[in-house]
Amino acid sequence: LVSTVSLPMIGVGIWALLKENFTTTHFPIRLNRK
C-alpha cells in the first residue's frame, strides 16, 4: 500500500520539480513596437 501510494506521488513531485529546474532562469515576453 505504501509503495502504491508513495511512488506515484514521488513521480509527480519529480515531474513538477523538472518544470522549474534544468531549464532557463526566466521566460521573457518581448513586445515589439515596430
Full PDB file with SEQRES, HELIX, SHEET, SSBOND, CRYST1, ORIGX, SCALE, CONECT and MASTER records, all heavy atoms in Angstrom:
SEQRES   1 A   34  LEU VAL SER THR VAL SER LEU PRO MET ILE GLY VAL GLY          
SEQRES   2 A   34  ILE TRP ALA LEU LEU LYS GLU ASN PHE THR THR THR HIS          
SEQRES   3 A   34  PHE PRO ILE ARG LEU ASN ARG LYS                              
HELIX    1 AA1 VAL A    2  GLU A   20  1                                  19    
CRYST1    1.000    1.000    1.000  90.00  90.00  90.00 P 1           1          
ORIGX1      1.000000  0.000000  0.000000        0.00000                         
ORIGX2      0.000000  1.000000  0.000000        0.00000                         
ORIGX3      0.000000  0.000000  1.000000        0.00000                         
SCALE1      1.000000  0.000000  0.000000        0.00000                         
SCALE2      0.000000  1.000000  0.000000        0.00000                         
SCALE3      0.000000  0.000000  1.000000        0.00000                         
ATOM      1  N   LEU A   1       0.824  -1.203   0.000  1.00  0.00           N  
ATOM      2  CA  LEU A   1       0.000   0.000   0.000  1.00  0.00           C  
ATOM      3  C   LEU A   1       0.865   1.262   0.000  1.00  0.00           C  
ATOM      4  O   LEU A   1       0.606   2.206  -0.756  1.00  0.00           O  
ATOM      5  CB  LEU A   1      -0.928  -0.013   1.219  1.00  0.00           C  
ATOM      6  CG  LEU A   1      -1.843   1.213   1.385  1.00  0.00           C  
ATOM      7  CD1 LEU A   1      -2.800   1.315   0.205  1.00  0.00           C  
ATOM      8  CD2 LEU A   1      -2.612   1.129   2.696  1.00  0.00           C  
ATOM      9  N   VAL A   2       1.900   1.261   0.853  1.00  0.00           N  
ATOM     10  CA  VAL A   2       2.811   2.405   0.912  1.00  0.00           C  
ATOM     11  C   VAL A   2       3.479   2.636  -0.441  1.00  0.00           C  
ATOM     12  O   VAL A   2       3.590   3.768  -0.930  1.00  0.00           O  
ATOM     13  CB  VAL A   2       3.867   2.205   2.020  1.00  0.00           C  
ATOM     14  CG1 VAL A   2       4.963   3.269   1.909  1.00  0.00           C  
ATOM     15  CG2 VAL A   2       3.217   2.269   3.391  1.00  0.00           C  
ATOM     16  N   SER A   3       3.924   1.538  -1.074  1.00  0.00           N  
ATOM     17  CA  SER A   3       4.580   1.653  -2.379  1.00  0.00           C  
ATOM     18  C   SER A   3       3.622   2.171  -3.439  1.00  0.00           C  
ATOM     19  O   SER A   3       3.963   3.022  -4.257  1.00  0.00           O  
ATOM     20  CB  SER A   3       5.142   0.297  -2.803  1.00  0.00           C  
ATOM     21  OG  SER A   3       6.078  -0.183  -1.862  1.00  0.00           O  
ATOM     22  N   THR A   4       2.387   1.647  -3.395  1.00  0.00           N  
ATOM     23  CA  THR A   4       1.397   2.043  -4.397  1.00  0.00           C  
ATOM     24  C   THR A   4       1.056   3.523  -4.291  1.00  0.00           C  
ATOM     25  O   THR A   4       0.842   4.198  -5.302  1.00  0.00           O  
ATOM     26  CB  THR A   4       0.115   1.201  -4.223  1.00  0.00           C  
ATOM     27  OG1 THR A   4       0.431  -0.182  -4.348  1.00  0.00           O  
ATOM     28  CG2 THR A   4      -0.923   1.577  -5.273  1.00  0.00           C  
ATOM     29  N   VAL A   5       1.028   4.045  -3.067  1.00  0.00           N  
ATOM     30  CA  VAL A   5       0.675   5.449  -2.854  1.00  0.00           C  
ATOM     31  C   VAL A   5       1.874   6.370  -3.037  1.00  0.00           C  
ATOM     32  O   VAL A   5       1.787   7.406  -3.700  1.00  0.00           O  
ATOM     33  CB  VAL A   5       0.060   5.647  -1.452  1.00  0.00           C  
ATOM     34  CG1 VAL A   5      -0.143   7.133  -1.161  1.00  0.00           C  
ATOM     35  CG2 VAL A   5      -1.247   4.887  -1.334  1.00  0.00           C  
ATOM     36  N   SER A   6       3.014   5.992  -2.465  1.00  0.00           N  
ATOM     37  CA  SER A   6       4.157   6.900  -2.436  1.00  0.00           C  
ATOM     38  C   SER A   6       4.882   7.028  -3.768  1.00  0.00           C  
ATOM     39  O   SER A   6       5.311   8.132  -4.141  1.00  0.00           O  
ATOM     40  CB  SER A   6       5.143   6.463  -1.352  1.00  0.00           C  
ATOM     41  OG  SER A   6       5.665   5.180  -1.624  1.00  0.00           O  
ATOM     42  N   LEU A   7       5.015   5.938  -4.498  1.00  0.00           N  
ATOM     43  CA  LEU A   7       5.783   6.007  -5.746  1.00  0.00           C  
ATOM     44  C   LEU A   7       5.150   6.957  -6.776  1.00  0.00           C  
ATOM     45  O   LEU A   7       5.865   7.780  -7.369  1.00  0.00           O  
ATOM     46  CB  LEU A   7       5.956   4.604  -6.333  1.00  0.00           C  
ATOM     47  CG  LEU A   7       6.896   3.682  -5.548  1.00  0.00           C  
ATOM     48  CD1 LEU A   7       6.991   2.301  -6.204  1.00  0.00           C  
ATOM     49  CD2 LEU A   7       8.295   4.298  -5.419  1.00  0.00           C  
ATOM     50  N   PRO A   8       3.830   6.881  -7.018  1.00  0.00           N  
ATOM     51  CA  PRO A   8       3.239   7.877  -7.931  1.00  0.00           C  
ATOM     52  C   PRO A   8       3.391   9.304  -7.417  1.00  0.00           C  
ATOM     53  O   PRO A   8       3.618  10.233  -8.200  1.00  0.00           O  
ATOM     54  CB  PRO A   8       1.765   7.461  -7.995  1.00  0.00           C  
ATOM     55  CG  PRO A   8       1.758   6.016  -7.642  1.00  0.00           C  
ATOM     56  CD  PRO A   8       2.850   5.855  -6.627  1.00  0.00           C  
ATOM     57  N   MET A   9       3.270   9.501  -6.091  1.00  0.00           N  
ATOM     58  CA  MET A   9       3.418  10.844  -5.526  1.00  0.00           C  
ATOM     59  C   MET A   9       4.835  11.360  -5.721  1.00  0.00           C  
ATOM     60  O   MET A   9       5.054  12.530  -6.035  1.00  0.00           O  
ATOM     61  CB  MET A   9       3.040  10.833  -4.045  1.00  0.00           C  
ATOM     62  CG  MET A   9       1.568  10.549  -3.785  1.00  0.00           C  
ATOM     63  SD  MET A   9       1.174  10.398  -2.020  1.00  0.00           S  
ATOM     64  CE  MET A   9       1.461  12.071  -1.470  1.00  0.00           C  
ATOM     65  N   ILE A  10       5.819  10.488  -5.538  1.00  0.00           N  
ATOM     66  CA  ILE A  10       7.212  10.873  -5.764  1.00  0.00           C  
ATOM     67  C   ILE A  10       7.424  11.213  -7.245  1.00  0.00           C  
ATOM     68  O   ILE A  10       8.092  12.194  -7.581  1.00  0.00           O  
ATOM     69  CB  ILE A  10       8.168   9.740  -5.326  1.00  0.00           C  
ATOM     70  CG1 ILE A  10       8.131   9.598  -3.796  1.00  0.00           C  
ATOM     71  CG2 ILE A  10       9.589  10.016  -5.798  1.00  0.00           C  
ATOM     72  CD1 ILE A  10       8.899   8.394  -3.276  1.00  0.00           C  
ATOM     73  N   GLY A  11       6.823  10.394  -8.128  1.00  0.00           N  
ATOM     74  CA  GLY A  11       6.946  10.657  -9.556  1.00  0.00           C  
ATOM     75  C   GLY A  11       6.359  11.994  -9.957  1.00  0.00           C  
ATOM     76  O   GLY A  11       6.966  12.751 -10.730  1.00  0.00           O  
ATOM     77  N   VAL A  12       5.175  12.339  -9.421  1.00  0.00           N  
ATOM     78  CA  VAL A  12       4.548  13.624  -9.715  1.00  0.00           C  
ATOM     79  C   VAL A  12       5.405  14.772  -9.175  1.00  0.00           C  
ATOM     80  O   VAL A  12       5.567  15.809  -9.828  1.00  0.00           O  
ATOM     81  CB  VAL A  12       3.125  13.679  -9.116  1.00  0.00           C  
ATOM     82  CG1 VAL A  12       2.552  15.087  -9.203  1.00  0.00           C  
ATOM     83  CG2 VAL A  12       2.216  12.698  -9.842  1.00  0.00           C  
ATOM     84  N   GLY A  13       5.968  14.575  -7.981  1.00  0.00           N  
ATOM     85  CA  GLY A  13       6.819  15.605  -7.398  1.00  0.00           C  
ATOM     86  C   GLY A  13       8.055  15.866  -8.244  1.00  0.00           C  
ATOM     87  O   GLY A  13       8.444  17.021  -8.462  1.00  0.00           O  
ATOM     88  N   ILE A  14       8.687  14.821  -8.734  1.00  0.00           N  
ATOM     89  CA  ILE A  14       9.871  14.970  -9.584  1.00  0.00           C  
ATOM     90  C   ILE A  14       9.499  15.668 -10.890  1.00  0.00           C  
ATOM     91  O   ILE A  14      10.222  16.541 -11.381  1.00  0.00           O  
ATOM     92  CB  ILE A  14      10.513  13.596  -9.848  1.00  0.00           C  
ATOM     93  CG1 ILE A  14      11.106  13.047  -8.545  1.00  0.00           C  
ATOM     94  CG2 ILE A  14      11.595  13.695 -10.923  1.00  0.00           C  
ATOM     95  CD1 ILE A  14      11.633  11.629  -8.662  1.00  0.00           C  
ATOM     96  N   TRP A  15       8.345  15.279 -11.472  1.00  0.00           N  
ATOM     97  CA  TRP A  15       7.872  15.937 -12.694  1.00  0.00           C  
ATOM     98  C   TRP A  15       7.681  17.432 -12.469  1.00  0.00           C  
ATOM     99  O   TRP A  15       8.079  18.256 -13.312  1.00  0.00           O  
ATOM    100  CB  TRP A  15       6.560  15.295 -13.127  1.00  0.00           C  
ATOM    101  CG  TRP A  15       5.839  16.061 -14.200  1.00  0.00           C  
ATOM    102  CD1 TRP A  15       6.099  16.065 -15.540  1.00  0.00           C  
ATOM    103  CD2 TRP A  15       4.742  16.970 -14.003  1.00  0.00           C  
ATOM    104  NE1 TRP A  15       5.230  16.901 -16.197  1.00  0.00           N  
ATOM    105  CE2 TRP A  15       4.383  17.473 -15.278  1.00  0.00           C  
ATOM    106  CE3 TRP A  15       4.027  17.389 -12.886  1.00  0.00           C  
ATOM    107  CZ2 TRP A  15       3.346  18.376 -15.454  1.00  0.00           C  
ATOM    108  CZ3 TRP A  15       2.994  18.295 -13.058  1.00  0.00           C  
ATOM    109  CH2 TRP A  15       2.665  18.779 -14.328  1.00  0.00           C  
ATOM    110  N   ALA A  16       7.093  17.803 -11.332  1.00  0.00           N  
ATOM    111  CA  ALA A  16       6.881  19.221 -11.031  1.00  0.00           C  
ATOM    112  C   ALA A  16       8.207  19.946 -10.820  1.00  0.00           C  
ATOM    113  O   ALA A  16       8.372  21.094 -11.245  1.00  0.00           O  
ATOM    114  CB  ALA A  16       5.993  19.363  -9.792  1.00  0.00           C  
ATOM    115  N   LEU A  17       9.172  19.282 -10.174  1.00  0.00           N  
ATOM    116  CA  LEU A  17      10.483  19.894  -9.976  1.00  0.00           C  
ATOM    117  C   LEU A  17      11.169  20.182 -11.302  1.00  0.00           C  
ATOM    118  O   LEU A  17      11.838  21.210 -11.464  1.00  0.00           O  
ATOM    119  CB  LEU A  17      11.370  18.980  -9.123  1.00  0.00           C  
ATOM    120  CG  LEU A  17      11.111  18.964  -7.620  1.00  0.00           C  
ATOM    121  CD1 LEU A  17      11.999  17.920  -6.951  1.00  0.00           C  
ATOM    122  CD2 LEU A  17      11.383  20.344  -7.014  1.00  0.00           C  
ATOM    123  N   LEU A  18      11.026  19.281 -12.256  1.00  0.00           N  
ATOM    124  CA  LEU A  18      11.667  19.464 -13.553  1.00  0.00           C  
ATOM    125  C   LEU A  18      11.073  20.635 -14.319  1.00  0.00           C  
ATOM    126  O   LEU A  18      11.711  21.173 -15.228  1.00  0.00           O  
ATOM    127  CB  LEU A  18      11.556  18.179 -14.383  1.00  0.00           C  
ATOM    128  CG  LEU A  18      12.366  16.985 -13.865  1.00  0.00           C  
ATOM    129  CD1 LEU A  18      12.103  15.758 -14.709  1.00  0.00           C  
ATOM    130  CD2 LEU A  18      13.853  17.303 -13.835  1.00  0.00           C  
ATOM    131  N   LYS A  19       9.842  21.037 -13.965  1.00  0.00           N  
ATOM    132  CA  LYS A  19       9.236  22.193 -14.602  1.00  0.00           C  
ATOM    133  C   LYS A  19       9.967  23.486 -14.252  1.00  0.00           C  
ATOM    134  O   LYS A  19       9.926  24.462 -15.003  1.00  0.00           O  
ATOM    135  CB  LYS A  19       7.764  22.319 -14.172  1.00  0.00           C  
ATOM    136  CG  LYS A  19       6.834  21.298 -14.779  1.00  0.00           C  
ATOM    137  CD  LYS A  19       6.525  21.637 -16.224  1.00  0.00           C  
ATOM    138  CE  LYS A  19       5.471  20.729 -16.791  1.00  0.00           C  
ATOM    139  NZ  LYS A  19       5.060  21.111 -18.161  1.00  0.00           N  
ATOM    140  N   GLU A  20      10.614  23.494 -13.096  1.00  0.00           N  
ATOM    141  CA  GLU A  20      11.277  24.706 -12.623  1.00  0.00           C  
ATOM    142  C   GLU A  20      12.796  24.599 -12.668  1.00  0.00           C  
ATOM    143  O   GLU A  20      13.497  25.611 -12.600  1.00  0.00           O  
ATOM    144  CB  GLU A  20      10.830  25.028 -11.189  1.00  0.00           C  
ATOM    145  CG  GLU A  20      11.208  26.415 -10.733  1.00  0.00           C  
ATOM    146  CD  GLU A  20      10.591  26.787  -9.403  1.00  0.00           C  
ATOM    147  OE1 GLU A  20      11.003  26.219  -8.371  1.00  0.00           O  
ATOM    148  OE2 GLU A  20       9.678  27.626  -9.385  1.00  0.00           O  
ATOM    149  N   ASN A  21      13.325  23.399 -12.796  1.00  0.00           N  
ATOM    150  CA  ASN A  21      14.764  23.188 -12.772  1.00  0.00           C  
ATOM    151  C   ASN A  21      15.263  22.633 -14.101  1.00  0.00           C  
ATOM    152  O   ASN A  21      14.496  22.127 -14.911  1.00  0.00           O  
ATOM    153  CB  ASN A  21      15.130  22.228 -11.631  1.00  0.00           C  
ATOM    154  CG  ASN A  21      14.828  22.817 -10.272  1.00  0.00           C  
ATOM    155  OD1 ASN A  21      15.610  23.551  -9.704  1.00  0.00           O  
ATOM    156  ND2 ASN A  21      13.644  22.497  -9.736  1.00  0.00           N  
ATOM    157  N   PHE A  22      16.573  22.737 -14.284  1.00  0.00           N  
ATOM    158  CA  PHE A  22      17.222  22.265 -15.506  1.00  0.00           C  
ATOM    159  C   PHE A  22      16.619  22.933 -16.743  1.00  0.00           C  
ATOM    160  O   PHE A  22      16.424  22.312 -17.782  1.00  0.00           O  
ATOM    161  CB  PHE A  22      17.133  20.738 -15.617  1.00  0.00           C  
ATOM    162  CG  PHE A  22      17.674  20.025 -14.405  1.00  0.00           C  
ATOM    163  CD1 PHE A  22      16.799  19.438 -13.500  1.00  0.00           C  
ATOM    164  CD2 PHE A  22      19.031  19.989 -14.139  1.00  0.00           C  
ATOM    165  CE1 PHE A  22      17.274  18.801 -12.366  1.00  0.00           C  
ATOM    166  CE2 PHE A  22      19.523  19.358 -13.010  1.00  0.00           C  
ATOM    167  CZ  PHE A  22      18.645  18.765 -12.128  1.00  0.00           C  
ATOM    168  N   THR A  23      16.299  24.208 -16.602  1.00  0.00           N  
ATOM    169  CA  THR A  23      15.770  24.996 -17.700  1.00  0.00           C  
ATOM    170  C   THR A  23      16.271  26.426 -17.534  1.00  0.00           C  
ATOM    171  O   THR A  23      17.129  26.676 -16.698  1.00  0.00           O  
ATOM    172  CB  THR A  23      14.233  24.942 -17.712  1.00  0.00           C  
ATOM    173  OG1 THR A  23      13.750  25.655 -18.849  1.00  0.00           O  
ATOM    174  CG2 THR A  23      13.636  25.533 -16.443  1.00  0.00           C  
ATOM    175  N   THR A  24      15.759  27.358 -18.315  1.00  0.00           N  
ATOM    176  CA  THR A  24      16.214  28.736 -18.223  1.00  0.00           C  
ATOM    177  C   THR A  24      15.712  29.386 -16.936  1.00  0.00           C  
ATOM    178  O   THR A  24      14.722  28.956 -16.348  1.00  0.00           O  
ATOM    179  CB  THR A  24      15.724  29.552 -19.430  1.00  0.00           C  
ATOM    180  OG1 THR A  24      14.306  29.447 -19.517  1.00  0.00           O  
ATOM    181  CG2 THR A  24      16.343  29.029 -20.717  1.00  0.00           C  
ATOM    182  N   THR A  25      16.392  30.448 -16.520  1.00  0.00           N  
ATOM    183  CA  THR A  25      16.041  31.111 -15.264  1.00  0.00           C  
ATOM    184  C   THR A  25      14.811  31.995 -15.387  1.00  0.00           C  
ATOM    185  O   THR A  25      14.208  32.373 -14.384  1.00  0.00           O  
ATOM    186  CB  THR A  25      17.215  31.970 -14.757  1.00  0.00           C  
ATOM    187  OG1 THR A  25      17.569  32.924 -15.782  1.00  0.00           O  
ATOM    188  CG2 THR A  25      18.421  31.099 -14.448  1.00  0.00           C  
ATOM    189  N   HIS A  26      14.454  32.362 -16.602  1.00  0.00           N  
ATOM    190  CA  HIS A  26      13.243  33.148 -16.812  1.00  0.00           C  
ATOM    191  C   HIS A  26      12.754  32.914 -18.244  1.00  0.00           C  
ATOM    192  O   HIS A  26      13.507  32.456 -19.109  1.00  0.00           O  
ATOM    193  CB  HIS A  26      13.498  34.635 -16.575  1.00  0.00           C  
ATOM    194  CG  HIS A  26      14.416  35.279 -17.573  1.00  0.00           C  
ATOM    195  ND1 HIS A  26      15.769  35.004 -17.639  1.00  0.00           N  
ATOM    196  CD2 HIS A  26      14.167  36.162 -18.577  1.00  0.00           C  
ATOM    197  CE1 HIS A  26      16.319  35.692 -18.617  1.00  0.00           C  
ATOM    198  NE2 HIS A  26      15.374  36.401 -19.205  1.00  0.00           N  
ATOM    199  N   PHE A  27      11.486  33.216 -18.465  1.00  0.00           N  
ATOM    200  CA  PHE A  27      10.869  33.020 -19.774  1.00  0.00           C  
ATOM    201  C   PHE A  27      10.365  34.380 -20.268  1.00  0.00           C  
ATOM    202  O   PHE A  27       9.227  34.765 -19.989  1.00  0.00           O  
ATOM    203  CB  PHE A  27       9.706  32.023 -19.695  1.00  0.00           C  
ATOM    204  CG  PHE A  27      10.079  30.723 -19.032  1.00  0.00           C  
ATOM    205  CD1 PHE A  27       9.266  30.165 -18.063  1.00  0.00           C  
ATOM    206  CD2 PHE A  27      11.252  30.063 -19.366  1.00  0.00           C  
ATOM    207  CE1 PHE A  27       9.602  28.963 -17.453  1.00  0.00           C  
ATOM    208  CE2 PHE A  27      11.596  28.867 -18.757  1.00  0.00           C  
ATOM    209  CZ  PHE A  27      10.776  28.315 -17.806  1.00  0.00           C  
ATOM    210  N   PRO A  28      11.182  35.122 -20.982  1.00  0.00           N  
ATOM    211  CA  PRO A  28      10.832  36.512 -21.324  1.00  0.00           C  
ATOM    212  C   PRO A  28       9.670  36.641 -22.297  1.00  0.00           C  
ATOM    213  O   PRO A  28       9.383  35.753 -23.093  1.00  0.00           O  
ATOM    214  CB  PRO A  28      12.129  37.045 -21.946  1.00  0.00           C  
ATOM    215  CG  PRO A  28      12.827  35.839 -22.472  1.00  0.00           C  
ATOM    216  CD  PRO A  28      12.510  34.745 -21.500  1.00  0.00           C  
ATOM    217  N   ILE A  29       9.014  37.794 -22.196  1.00  0.00           N  
ATOM    218  CA  ILE A  29       7.976  38.215 -23.131  1.00  0.00           C  
ATOM    219  C   ILE A  29       8.502  39.474 -23.826  1.00  0.00           C  
ATOM    220  O   ILE A  29       8.882  40.431 -23.158  1.00  0.00           O  
ATOM    221  CB  ILE A  29       6.658  38.520 -22.409  1.00  0.00           C  
ATOM    222  CG1 ILE A  29       6.136  37.274 -21.685  1.00  0.00           C  
ATOM    223  CG2 ILE A  29       5.606  39.039 -23.382  1.00  0.00           C  
ATOM    224  CD1 ILE A  29       4.934  37.549 -20.788  1.00  0.00           C  
ATOM    225  N   ARG A  30       8.537  39.449 -25.140  1.00  0.00           N  
ATOM    226  CA  ARG A  30       9.047  40.598 -25.895  1.00  0.00           C  
ATOM    227  C   ARG A  30       7.918  41.260 -26.671  1.00  0.00           C  
ATOM    228  O   ARG A  30       7.205  40.608 -27.436  1.00  0.00           O  
ATOM    229  CB  ARG A  30      10.164  40.180 -26.846  1.00  0.00           C  
ATOM    230  CG  ARG A  30      10.704  41.322 -27.692  1.00  0.00           C  
ATOM    231  CD  ARG A  30      11.940  40.936 -28.480  1.00  0.00           C  
ATOM    232  NE  ARG A  30      13.087  40.718 -27.614  1.00  0.00           N  
ATOM    233  CZ  ARG A  30      14.346  40.635 -28.057  1.00  0.00           C  
ATOM    234  NH1 ARG A  30      14.600  40.720 -29.358  1.00  0.00           N  
ATOM    235  NH2 ARG A  30      15.335  40.427 -27.213  1.00  0.00           N  
ATOM    236  N   LEU A  31       7.768  42.568 -26.457  1.00  0.00           N  
ATOM    237  CA  LEU A  31       6.760  43.351 -27.164  1.00  0.00           C  
ATOM    238  C   LEU A  31       7.471  44.257 -28.167  1.00  0.00           C  
ATOM    239  O   LEU A  31       8.251  45.131 -27.766  1.00  0.00           O  
ATOM    240  CB  LEU A  31       5.948  44.195 -26.178  1.00  0.00           C  
ATOM    241  CG  LEU A  31       5.211  43.398 -25.094  1.00  0.00           C  
ATOM    242  CD1 LEU A  31       5.879  43.616 -23.726  1.00  0.00           C  
ATOM    243  CD2 LEU A  31       3.750  43.804 -25.028  1.00  0.00           C  
ATOM    244  N   ASN A  32       7.225  44.037 -29.437  1.00  0.00           N  
ATOM    245  CA  ASN A  32       7.900  44.782 -30.498  1.00  0.00           C  
ATOM    246  C   ASN A  32       6.968  45.851 -31.060  1.00  0.00           C  
ATOM    247  O   ASN A  32       5.926  45.537 -31.642  1.00  0.00           O  
ATOM    248  CB  ASN A  32       8.343  43.810 -31.597  1.00  0.00           C  
ATOM    249  CG  ASN A  32       9.294  44.458 -32.590  1.00  0.00           C  
ATOM    250  OD1 ASN A  32       8.998  45.494 -33.175  1.00  0.00           O  
ATOM    251  ND2 ASN A  32      10.436  43.827 -32.773  1.00  0.00           N  
ATOM    252  N   ARG A  33       7.354  47.121 -30.878  1.00  0.00           N  
ATOM    253  CA  ARG A  33       6.535  48.246 -31.356  1.00  0.00           C  
ATOM    254  C   ARG A  33       6.533  48.356 -32.876  1.00  0.00           C  
ATOM    255  O   ARG A  33       5.542  48.764 -33.473  1.00  0.00           O  
ATOM    256  CB  ARG A  33       7.087  49.556 -30.790  1.00  0.00           C  
ATOM    257  CG  ARG A  33       6.709  49.856 -29.378  1.00  0.00           C  
ATOM    258  CD  ARG A  33       7.456  51.082 -28.875  1.00  0.00           C  
ATOM    259  NE  ARG A  33       7.356  52.206 -29.792  1.00  0.00           N  
ATOM    260  CZ  ARG A  33       6.388  53.118 -29.765  1.00  0.00           C  
ATOM    261  NH1 ARG A  33       5.419  53.020 -28.853  1.00  0.00           N  
ATOM    262  NH2 ARG A  33       6.373  54.121 -30.626  1.00  0.00           N  
ATOM    263  N   LYS A  34       7.651  48.017 -33.486  1.00  0.00           N  
ATOM    264  CA  LYS A  34       7.806  48.247 -34.916  1.00  0.00           C  
ATOM    265  C   LYS A  34       6.967  47.287 -35.753  1.00  0.00           C  
ATOM    266  O   LYS A  34       6.279  47.702 -36.687  1.00  0.00           O  
ATOM    267  CB  LYS A  34       9.283  48.131 -35.301  1.00  0.00           C  
ATOM    268  CG  LYS A  34      10.172  49.184 -34.648  1.00  0.00           C  
ATOM    269  CD  LYS A  34       9.836  50.575 -35.143  1.00  0.00           C  
ATOM    270  CE  LYS A  34      10.665  51.665 -34.473  1.00  0.00           C  
ATOM    271  NZ  LYS A  34      12.091  51.578 -34.827  1.00  0.00           N  
TER     272      LYS A  34                                                      
MASTER        0    0    0    1    0    0    0    6  271    1    0    3          
END                                                                             
